[in-house]
Protein backbone atom coordinates (compact mmCIF):
# COMPACT_ATOMS: atom_id res chain seq x y z
CA UNK A 1 11.13 -1.16 20.48
CA UNK A 2 14.66 0.07 21.44
CA UNK A 3 17.42 -0.34 18.86
CA UNK A 4 19.83 -3.18 19.53
CA UNK A 5 23.60 -2.60 19.47
CA UNK A 6 26.11 -5.45 19.34
CA UNK A 7 29.53 -4.64 20.86
CA UNK A 8 32.73 -6.68 20.41
CA UNK A 9 35.92 -5.95 22.37
CA UNK A 10 38.48 -8.22 24.03
CA UNK A 11 38.66 -5.82 27.03
CA UNK A 12 35.77 -6.50 29.41
CA UNK A 13 36.07 -3.08 31.10
CA UNK A 14 35.64 -1.32 27.74
CA UNK A 15 32.65 -3.52 26.93
CA UNK A 16 30.98 -2.58 30.20
CA UNK A 17 31.72 1.12 29.73
CA UNK A 18 30.31 1.20 26.19
CA UNK A 19 27.26 -0.79 27.24
CA UNK A 20 26.55 1.48 30.22
CA UNK A 21 26.74 4.67 28.11
CA UNK A 22 24.52 3.30 25.30
CA UNK A 23 21.94 1.73 27.64
CA UNK A 24 21.64 5.07 29.42
CA UNK A 25 20.79 6.55 26.01
CA UNK A 26 17.98 4.03 25.42
CA UNK A 27 19.73 1.28 23.44
CA UNK A 28 19.70 -2.46 24.15
CA UNK A 29 23.24 -3.85 24.07
CA UNK A 30 24.70 -7.31 23.53
CA UNK A 31 28.40 -7.65 24.42
CA UNK A 32 30.97 -10.22 23.25
CA UNK A 33 34.63 -10.65 24.16
CA UNK A 34 35.45 -12.85 21.13
CA UNK A 35 34.71 -12.02 17.45
CA UNK A 36 33.87 -15.66 16.67
CA UNK A 37 31.18 -15.73 19.33
CA UNK A 38 29.75 -12.45 18.06
CA UNK A 39 29.60 -13.76 14.47
CA UNK A 40 27.81 -16.92 15.61
CA UNK A 41 25.20 -14.84 17.43
CA UNK A 42 24.66 -12.21 14.70
CA UNK A 43 21.63 -13.73 13.02
CA UNK A 44 19.81 -14.25 16.30
CA UNK A 45 20.74 -10.85 17.70
CA UNK A 46 19.67 -8.93 14.56
CA UNK A 47 21.43 -5.70 15.68
CA UNK A 48 20.85 -2.27 14.17
CA UNK A 49 24.45 -1.19 14.94
CA UNK A 50 27.65 -3.20 15.39
CA UNK A 51 30.62 -1.70 17.27
CA UNK A 52 33.95 -3.53 17.08
CA UNK A 53 37.39 -2.96 18.54
CA UNK A 54 40.20 -3.07 15.99
CA UNK A 55 43.02 -4.89 17.76
CA UNK A 56 41.67 -8.26 18.95
CA UNK A 57 43.34 -11.71 19.18
CA UNK A 58 42.53 -14.12 16.37
CA UNK A 59 40.66 -11.62 14.20
CA UNK A 60 41.06 -7.87 13.84
CA UNK A 61 38.07 -5.55 13.74
CA UNK A 62 38.15 -4.96 9.98
CA UNK A 63 38.04 -8.70 9.24
CA UNK A 64 35.26 -9.14 11.77
CA UNK A 65 33.19 -6.35 10.25
CA UNK A 66 33.67 -7.76 6.73
CA UNK A 67 32.22 -11.07 7.89
CA UNK A 68 29.52 -9.32 9.91
CA UNK A 69 28.47 -7.45 6.78
CA UNK A 70 27.77 -10.75 5.03
CA UNK A 71 25.71 -12.14 7.91
CA UNK A 72 23.89 -8.95 8.88
CA UNK A 73 23.97 -6.64 5.84
CA UNK A 74 21.36 -4.32 7.32
CA UNK A 75 23.43 -3.49 10.41
CA UNK A 76 25.56 -0.34 10.37
CA UNK A 77 29.18 -0.99 11.39
CA UNK A 78 31.38 1.18 13.60
CA UNK A 79 35.09 0.58 14.30
CA UNK A 80 36.55 1.55 17.66
CA UNK A 81 40.32 2.07 17.40
CA UNK A 82 43.31 3.71 19.05
CA UNK A 83 44.98 6.63 17.30
CA UNK A 84 47.94 4.56 16.08
CA UNK A 85 45.57 2.25 14.17
CA UNK A 86 43.75 5.11 12.47
CA UNK A 87 45.35 4.67 9.04
CA UNK A 88 44.27 1.02 8.83
CA UNK A 89 40.81 1.94 10.06
CA UNK A 90 40.49 4.66 7.42
CA UNK A 91 41.16 2.09 4.73
CA UNK A 92 38.26 0.08 6.13
CA UNK A 93 36.01 3.12 5.84
CA UNK A 94 37.06 3.71 2.24
CA UNK A 95 36.41 0.04 1.42
CA UNK A 96 32.85 0.45 2.62
CA UNK A 97 33.10 -1.96 5.51
CA UNK A 98 32.79 0.74 8.20
CA UNK A 99 30.26 3.53 8.61
CA UNK A 100 32.19 5.55 11.19
CA UNK A 101 35.31 5.39 13.41
CA UNK A 102 35.32 6.02 17.13
CA UNK A 103 38.71 6.77 18.59
CA UNK A 104 40.00 5.46 21.88
CA UNK A 105 39.62 7.03 24.32
CA UNK A 106 36.25 8.33 23.12
CA UNK A 107 34.24 11.41 23.98
CA UNK A 108 30.93 10.31 25.41
CA UNK A 109 28.82 12.77 23.41
CA UNK A 110 30.66 11.90 20.21
CA UNK A 111 30.04 8.20 20.88
CA UNK A 112 26.31 8.70 21.45
CA UNK A 113 26.02 10.96 18.39
CA UNK A 114 27.85 8.46 16.16
CA UNK A 115 25.70 5.53 17.30
CA UNK A 116 22.56 7.64 16.91
CA UNK A 117 23.51 8.51 13.31
CA UNK A 118 24.29 4.87 12.59
CA UNK A 119 20.95 3.72 13.99
CA UNK A 120 19.11 6.35 11.93
CA UNK A 121 21.00 5.28 8.82
CA UNK A 122 19.98 1.67 9.47
CA UNK A 123 16.34 2.65 9.97
CA UNK A 124 16.31 4.67 6.75
CA UNK A 125 17.88 1.79 4.86
CA UNK A 126 15.31 -0.68 6.19
CA UNK A 127 12.48 1.71 5.42
CA UNK A 128 13.81 2.22 1.93
CA UNK A 129 13.95 -1.55 1.41
CA UNK A 130 10.42 -1.90 2.76
CA UNK A 131 9.10 0.87 0.53
CA UNK A 132 10.94 -0.55 -2.48
CA UNK A 133 9.39 -3.96 -1.87
CA UNK A 134 5.98 -2.33 -1.42
CA UNK A 135 6.38 -0.34 -4.63
CA UNK A 136 7.38 -3.50 -6.49
CA UNK A 137 4.35 -5.30 -5.08
CA UNK A 138 2.06 -2.42 -6.03
CA UNK A 139 3.67 -2.19 -9.45
CA UNK A 140 2.89 -5.86 -9.96
CA UNK A 141 -0.71 -5.24 -8.93
CA UNK A 142 -0.81 -2.19 -11.19
CA UNK A 143 0.44 -4.25 -14.14
CA UNK A 144 -2.29 -6.81 -13.51
CA UNK A 145 -4.92 -4.07 -13.29
CA UNK A 146 -3.61 -2.46 -16.48
CA UNK A 147 -3.76 -5.79 -18.30
CA UNK A 148 -7.35 -6.28 -17.18
CA UNK A 149 -8.23 -2.73 -18.21
CA UNK A 150 -6.56 -3.19 -21.60
CA UNK A 151 -8.52 -6.40 -22.09
CA UNK A 152 -11.76 -4.60 -21.22
CA UNK A 153 -10.88 -1.81 -23.64
CA UNK A 154 -10.14 -4.34 -26.40
CA UNK A 155 -13.46 -6.09 -25.88
CA UNK A 156 -15.44 -2.86 -25.81
CA UNK A 157 -13.54 -1.34 -28.71
CA UNK A 158 -14.11 -4.45 -30.79
CA UNK A 159 -17.82 -4.30 -30.04
CA UNK A 160 -17.86 -0.62 -30.99
CA UNK A 161 -16.05 -1.25 -34.27
CA UNK A 162 -18.32 -4.15 -35.12
CA UNK A 163 -21.24 -1.81 -34.56
CA UNK A 164 -19.66 0.79 -36.84
CA UNK A 165 -19.05 -1.80 -39.55
CA UNK A 166 -22.63 -3.02 -39.29
CA UNK A 167 -23.93 0.54 -39.41
CA UNK A 168 -21.77 1.24 -42.46
CA UNK A 169 -22.98 -1.94 -44.19
CA UNK A 170 -26.59 -0.90 -43.68
CA UNK A 171 -25.97 2.63 -44.91
CA UNK A 172 -24.53 1.20 -48.13
CA UNK A 173 -26.74 -1.85 -48.52
CA UNK A 174 -25.17 -3.27 -51.69
CA UNK A 175 -21.88 -3.80 -49.81
CA UNK A 176 -23.59 -5.65 -46.93
CA UNK A 177 -21.27 -8.46 -45.69
CA UNK A 178 -18.62 -7.20 -48.12
CA UNK A 179 -16.23 -6.28 -45.26
CA UNK A 180 -16.52 -9.74 -43.76
CA UNK A 181 -15.95 -11.52 -47.04
CA UNK A 182 -12.87 -9.53 -48.02
CA UNK A 183 -11.33 -9.93 -44.55
CA UNK A 184 -11.45 -13.72 -44.90
CA UNK A 185 -10.34 -13.57 -48.53
CA UNK A 186 -7.41 -11.36 -47.50
CA UNK A 187 -6.37 -13.71 -44.72
CA UNK A 188 -6.36 -16.69 -47.09
CA UNK A 189 -4.40 -14.86 -49.78
CA UNK A 190 -1.88 -13.58 -47.22
CA UNK A 191 -1.37 -17.16 -46.01
CA UNK A 192 -0.72 -18.21 -49.60
CA UNK A 193 1.95 -15.49 -49.82
CA UNK A 194 3.67 -16.92 -46.72
CA UNK A 195 2.60 -14.19 -44.31
CA UNK A 196 2.62 -15.34 -40.68
CA UNK A 197 1.25 -14.03 -37.41
CA UNK A 198 0.97 -11.37 -36.15
CA UNK A 199 0.98 -9.75 -39.60
CA UNK A 200 -1.71 -12.18 -40.76
CA UNK A 201 -4.20 -10.84 -38.23
CA UNK A 202 -3.18 -7.25 -39.04
CA UNK A 203 -4.08 -7.87 -42.69
CA UNK A 204 -7.39 -9.44 -41.69
CA UNK A 205 -8.25 -6.46 -39.52
CA UNK A 206 -7.18 -3.97 -42.18
CA UNK A 207 -9.44 -5.66 -44.73
CA UNK A 208 -12.33 -5.85 -42.27
CA UNK A 209 -12.05 -2.14 -41.50
CA UNK A 210 -11.00 -0.88 -44.94
CA UNK A 211 -14.10 1.30 -45.48
CA UNK A 212 -14.55 2.44 -41.88
CA UNK A 213 -13.68 5.99 -42.95
CA UNK A 214 -16.96 6.14 -44.91
CA UNK A 215 -18.61 6.74 -41.56
CA UNK A 216 -17.41 10.32 -42.07
CA UNK A 217 -18.91 10.71 -45.58
CA UNK A 218 -22.31 12.41 -45.88
CA UNK A 219 -25.27 10.21 -46.87
CA UNK A 220 -26.07 12.34 -49.92
CA UNK A 221 -22.62 11.48 -51.27
CA UNK A 222 -22.21 7.93 -49.99
CA UNK A 223 -25.72 6.83 -51.06
CA UNK A 224 -26.06 8.88 -54.24
CA UNK A 225 -27.59 6.59 -56.93
CA UNK A 226 -25.97 8.31 -59.92
CA UNK A 227 -22.41 9.35 -60.79
CA UNK A 228 -20.60 11.60 -58.31
CA UNK A 229 -19.70 15.15 -59.26
CA UNK A 230 -16.01 16.14 -59.15
CA UNK A 231 -16.47 17.77 -55.73
CA UNK A 232 -18.38 14.75 -54.40
CA UNK A 233 -15.72 12.41 -55.73
CA UNK A 234 -13.05 14.49 -53.97
CA UNK A 235 -15.01 14.10 -50.75
CA UNK A 236 -15.46 10.35 -51.25
CA UNK A 237 -11.71 9.91 -51.80
CA UNK A 238 -11.09 11.20 -48.27
CA UNK A 239 -12.45 8.03 -46.67
CA UNK A 240 -9.08 6.17 -46.50
CA UNK A 241 -7.53 9.04 -44.54
CA UNK A 242 -10.59 9.34 -42.29
CA UNK A 243 -10.34 5.62 -41.55
CA UNK A 244 -6.60 5.88 -40.86
CA UNK A 245 -7.21 8.69 -38.36
CA UNK A 246 -9.92 6.69 -36.63
CA UNK A 247 -7.68 3.66 -36.13
CA UNK A 248 -4.86 5.80 -34.74
CA UNK A 249 -6.95 6.12 -31.59
CA UNK A 250 -7.14 2.34 -31.01
CA UNK A 251 -3.79 0.91 -29.92
CA UNK A 252 -4.29 -2.71 -30.91
CA UNK A 253 -5.79 -1.75 -34.31
CA UNK A 254 -3.19 0.88 -35.16
CA UNK A 255 -0.98 -1.63 -37.08
CA UNK A 256 -3.89 -2.11 -39.53
CA UNK A 257 -4.25 1.63 -40.16
CA UNK A 258 -1.81 1.71 -43.09
CA UNK A 259 -3.86 -0.94 -44.90
CA UNK A 260 -6.96 1.21 -44.44
CA UNK A 261 -5.06 4.27 -45.68
CA UNK A 262 -3.62 2.53 -48.75
CA UNK A 263 -6.42 0.16 -49.76
CA UNK A 264 -7.22 2.27 -52.87
CA UNK A 265 -3.60 2.48 -54.05
CA UNK A 266 -2.69 0.62 -57.26
CA UNK A 267 0.49 -1.19 -58.26
CA UNK A 268 1.17 1.28 -61.10
CA UNK A 269 0.75 4.38 -58.89
CA UNK A 270 -2.61 5.52 -60.29
CA UNK A 271 -4.53 5.00 -57.05
CA UNK A 272 -5.22 7.34 -54.13
CA UNK A 273 -4.74 9.06 -51.72
CA UNK A 274 -0.93 8.96 -52.01
CA UNK A 275 -0.37 7.74 -55.57
CA UNK A 276 1.96 5.07 -54.19
CA UNK A 277 3.35 2.42 -56.52
CA UNK A 278 4.87 -1.06 -56.28
CA UNK A 279 6.23 -2.22 -52.97
CA UNK A 280 5.83 1.24 -51.44
CA UNK A 281 2.28 0.00 -50.86
CA UNK A 282 2.09 -2.19 -47.76
CA UNK A 283 1.58 -5.89 -48.46
CA UNK A 284 -1.79 -5.89 -46.70
CA UNK A 285 -3.16 -3.21 -49.03
CA UNK A 286 -1.83 -5.05 -52.10
CA UNK A 287 -3.51 -8.25 -50.90
CA UNK A 288 -6.73 -6.36 -50.22
CA UNK A 289 -6.84 -4.81 -53.69
CA UNK A 290 -6.86 -8.30 -55.26
CA UNK A 291 -9.59 -9.78 -53.05
CA UNK A 292 -11.66 -6.59 -53.18
CA UNK A 293 -11.81 -6.96 -56.96
CA UNK A 294 -12.80 -10.61 -56.57
CA UNK A 295 -15.66 -9.65 -54.26
CA UNK A 296 -16.79 -6.69 -56.38
CA UNK A 297 -17.11 -8.81 -59.53
CA UNK A 298 -18.75 -11.82 -57.88
CA UNK A 299 -21.31 -9.84 -55.81
CA UNK A 300 -24.64 -8.33 -56.86
CA UNK A 301 -24.68 -4.56 -57.23
CA UNK A 302 -27.65 -2.24 -58.04
CA UNK A 303 -26.25 -1.52 -61.50
CA UNK A 304 -25.38 -5.14 -62.42
CA UNK A 305 -25.70 -8.74 -61.36
CA UNK A 306 -22.87 -10.78 -59.92
CA UNK A 307 -20.57 -12.30 -62.49
CA UNK A 308 -18.92 -15.73 -62.26
CA UNK A 309 -15.59 -16.44 -60.61
CA UNK A 310 -13.99 -16.97 -64.03
CA UNK A 311 -14.65 -13.31 -64.89
CA UNK A 312 -12.91 -12.15 -61.71
CA UNK A 313 -10.00 -14.43 -62.45
CA UNK A 314 -9.69 -13.07 -66.00
CA UNK A 315 -9.79 -9.45 -64.75
CA UNK A 316 -7.04 -10.09 -62.21
CA UNK A 317 -4.87 -11.67 -64.91
CA UNK A 318 -5.58 -8.79 -67.29
CA UNK A 319 -4.56 -6.15 -64.76
CA UNK A 320 -1.63 -8.10 -63.28
CA UNK A 321 1.29 -5.68 -63.08
CA UNK A 322 -0.85 -2.58 -63.64
CA UNK A 323 -3.51 -2.39 -60.94
CA UNK A 324 -2.38 -5.46 -59.01
CA UNK A 325 0.84 -6.75 -57.46
CA UNK A 326 1.92 -9.60 -59.81
CA UNK A 327 3.02 -11.75 -56.90
CA UNK A 328 -0.34 -11.34 -55.15
CA UNK A 329 -2.20 -12.28 -58.35
CA UNK A 330 -0.03 -15.37 -58.83
CA UNK A 331 -0.71 -16.43 -55.24
CA UNK A 332 -4.44 -15.89 -55.79
CA UNK A 333 -4.38 -18.09 -58.90
CA UNK A 334 -2.57 -20.83 -56.94
CA UNK A 335 -5.54 -21.20 -54.56
CA UNK A 336 -8.24 -23.54 -55.93
CA UNK A 337 -11.43 -21.75 -56.95
CA UNK A 338 -13.36 -24.03 -54.57
CA UNK A 339 -11.64 -22.43 -51.58
CA UNK A 340 -12.71 -18.94 -52.56
CA UNK A 341 -16.24 -20.18 -53.15
CA UNK A 342 -16.28 -21.94 -49.78
CA UNK A 343 -15.36 -18.69 -47.99
CA UNK A 344 -18.18 -16.86 -49.79
CA UNK A 345 -20.64 -19.66 -48.95
CA UNK A 346 -19.65 -19.59 -45.28
CA UNK A 347 -20.32 -15.85 -45.08
CA UNK A 348 -23.64 -16.18 -46.90
CA UNK A 349 -24.69 -18.96 -44.52
CA UNK A 350 -24.05 -16.72 -41.54
CA UNK A 351 -25.89 -13.89 -43.32
CA UNK A 352 -28.98 -16.06 -43.72
CA UNK A 353 -28.84 -17.04 -40.05
CA UNK A 354 -28.45 -13.39 -39.08
CA UNK A 355 -31.54 -12.44 -41.03
CA UNK A 356 -33.57 -14.88 -38.91
CA UNK A 357 -32.31 -13.53 -35.59
CA UNK A 358 -34.32 -11.06 -33.57
CA UNK A 359 -31.20 -9.66 -31.95
CA UNK A 360 -27.47 -9.90 -32.67
CA UNK A 361 -25.43 -12.67 -31.00
CA UNK A 362 -22.58 -11.84 -28.59
CA UNK A 363 -19.56 -10.31 -30.30
CA UNK A 364 -16.36 -12.41 -29.99
CA UNK A 365 -13.37 -11.09 -28.04
CA UNK A 366 -10.49 -9.55 -29.97
CA UNK A 367 -8.29 -12.63 -29.60
CA UNK A 368 -11.00 -14.71 -31.33
CA UNK A 369 -10.72 -12.44 -34.35
CA UNK A 370 -7.18 -13.69 -34.95
CA UNK A 371 -8.47 -16.94 -36.38
CA UNK A 372 -10.72 -17.61 -39.33
CA UNK A 373 -13.65 -17.45 -39.55
CA UNK A 374 -13.27 -14.66 -37.00
CA UNK A 375 -14.79 -11.99 -39.19
CA UNK A 376 -17.99 -13.93 -39.75
CA UNK A 377 -19.68 -11.68 -37.22
CA UNK A 378 -23.41 -11.09 -37.36
CA UNK A 379 -24.38 -7.42 -37.57
CA UNK A 380 -27.30 -5.84 -35.79
CA UNK A 381 -30.63 -5.96 -37.68
CA UNK A 382 -31.35 -2.96 -39.88
CA UNK A 383 -34.07 -1.68 -37.59
CA UNK A 384 -31.59 -1.60 -34.69
CA UNK A 385 -28.75 0.04 -36.56
CA UNK A 386 -30.21 3.52 -36.59
CA UNK A 387 -30.14 3.76 -40.38
């Protein structure tokens, strides 16, 4: 479709001459003797180029082109002026209202060349606007696709990690369901300390995954029935760092990695792997250390039977300020014993149900894990875990 040029000049002979030259060059022209009439017709005409005389009654060309710019911002504007008006016209160019100036009388080739450049400039501008809009539309689609992909990755990663936790629990059978218990204990203790979301879920995840690094420890060390040798103990103490490295590869679990790394640190600095002390240990690891001790004392182990809650309580009080953050111990003591027992009972109930299942139930999505009892997830049966 030919480009449309709107021409405004109060001299009808000049209008006809300009129109004849441009139509011979393939343009469609619309001519107006009065600037007001041209402005009224701008939106309907939708020109690519506007050519205006400078000296016109009622409105000069610069004023006309300023108003034309507001009504048809995509049109390129050209001012046609006599030599004595050149200074005023140049100011219009500098102000950005005019693309080019055509002098009167004009050279025909110069006129055609100027209009051709203006039309090309208008086409490029429209194409740029179209491409920008298309890019924005595609970027919006891309964002939606990325969100869906991230959601798929979260679901699949959560399923993978649940499988790893289940496999780890079955490798080290005396700690079966331990990860799930301490994750709920940790969430409750963190709430008592005034921790809010999203940090609350970070602490829950860190407690759930605290021993994930043991996946990288050899069976002969991890499952050894007797005491570990010095070299074996050195190897075992690597599991916090192995777990930290594993979680670095999972974006939405990375915030929990420091809890995994520091879960064996002690308040007095005698823990590992960094020998951190006091509040240099992240709050999630300090919370975990308290509830891990609770679970260790109140759970059956091959070398001893579970001891009552009162024994765990006494041990936490005894080591308050040495192994354990005093504030975390005080918060633990402020929670009624019945609440801790209820959490344990809930996990044991799910464990009994899991033992009766022939196959594991569907694994909840990541967002479900943000709310207790999110970590009461049923692991695969031992025969399906591969060991």
